[in-house]
Every structure is written in structure tokens, then in C-alpha cells.
């Protein structure tokens, strides 16, 4: 892992655009080269980051997604910045626009894009990819009208199709934010958005037996209804 001096970091920082920060400092910067610098701090003394650093996860997950035919970030370089007690990754962003940005500018999704998202999620599940950060800010529509993933540290690869429980849990992640949920699915399971999503998901997940599809559908409907109670 390459070590960045304080002088190098401050030179980058002076020319960078701050994208995200919190009470502990900078989190994501866009460098003048166009690349993204994502900074990590260890949040607890006892942490999984001790034996599997975020930088390593990020690089490995990017390679895993590419090997599975999923669009994502590229040219990932793990870094350490001792002067600010941070590790980091520097990478080329995935070209395109996040689904959240599309929703905020357009106000609603087309039925075609909702169906595309349903197929995309089903493809991830079939490939054994469980992306815990599956919200619309982390799904990008590329200039080629294909979907991909960003902010990929929180991802697990099972090497076989996901279980029904993991699929249902992942659906809950896409409902985490009200604006995402309403834009993609609507308020109730019978609405056009949810129906488009489910039909697309089901057609892509045709390896699932009908009774498994029905079990999953009931779980999705129950979860969506819980937000209106």
C-alpha cells in the first residue's frame, strides 16, 4: 500500500472538490484529475477493519464485480495517509448518473428503468452478490444505459445464488430511504412501480421454483405495506 505524505495530501486537498464530510473530517474528495479519493477511519478499537481493511475490501470488490460482468469503479489504488490517521482508496469513478440523481431531477422513474433495476437486482442475487449498501444513490445508470454499482466496500460474495432470506433482506435495503421507496415502488404493492419491479425480477430469477417466487413476493409485499402502517 502506497503511503501519502502530509505534503502530498495537502497538495491534493487544496485542488480537490469536497463531496462528503462529517464531524470527523473529509470523507470523499474529487481530485483535480477527476479521480475520487475516499477516506476511511477505523470507528472502533475492535473492528473487522483490523483484519480486512476497507481499502482491501474496496479493491477486491471492484475486481469481483468486474469478473462477474457488473459495471463499477476502476483503477483502484489503496493508500495510507499517516499524517491524518486515515487509509484511502483512489479510483476512477463509474461514468453516469445515480438513480437518486435521476429521481431528483425527473421526479419519477419510467417503467422501463424500474424494470431494468428489477432485472439488475435479480442478476446480482443469482451471481451470489449481496450488496448491503443497495440504495439508489449507489446504483448508476451509465451512458450506455446499463446499471452499475459504486461505494462498494460493503459487499459480500457467496459464490452461489443468494438464499430467499438474503434476497428479502436486500430488498429492504432498497426501501431504506422514503424518497427511494416511493420513487421506485410507490406506496403500496399493487402500484405500477412495484409490479414492474417484481415482474422484471421474477423473469430474471427464473431459476427459482414458483413456490419460492411466491414466498419472496409475499415477503416483499409485507415489507412494503409495513411502511404505510
Foldseek 3Di string as FASTA:
>chain_A
DAEDEPVRVVVQVVQWDQDDADPLGGAWIQGPVRKIKGKDADPDPDDPCVVQNLLNLQVVQCVVCVVLVADFWDPWDWYHYVVSRIIIIITHGAAAAFQVVVCVVVVADDLVVLLLVLLVLLSCQQQQKQQLQPERRQWGQHPVRHIHGYPRSRMDGDRGHHDLVSSLNSLVNHPVDVSSCCRQCNQACVDSNNVSSLVSNCVNNVVDDPVSSVVSSVSSRVSSNVVVD
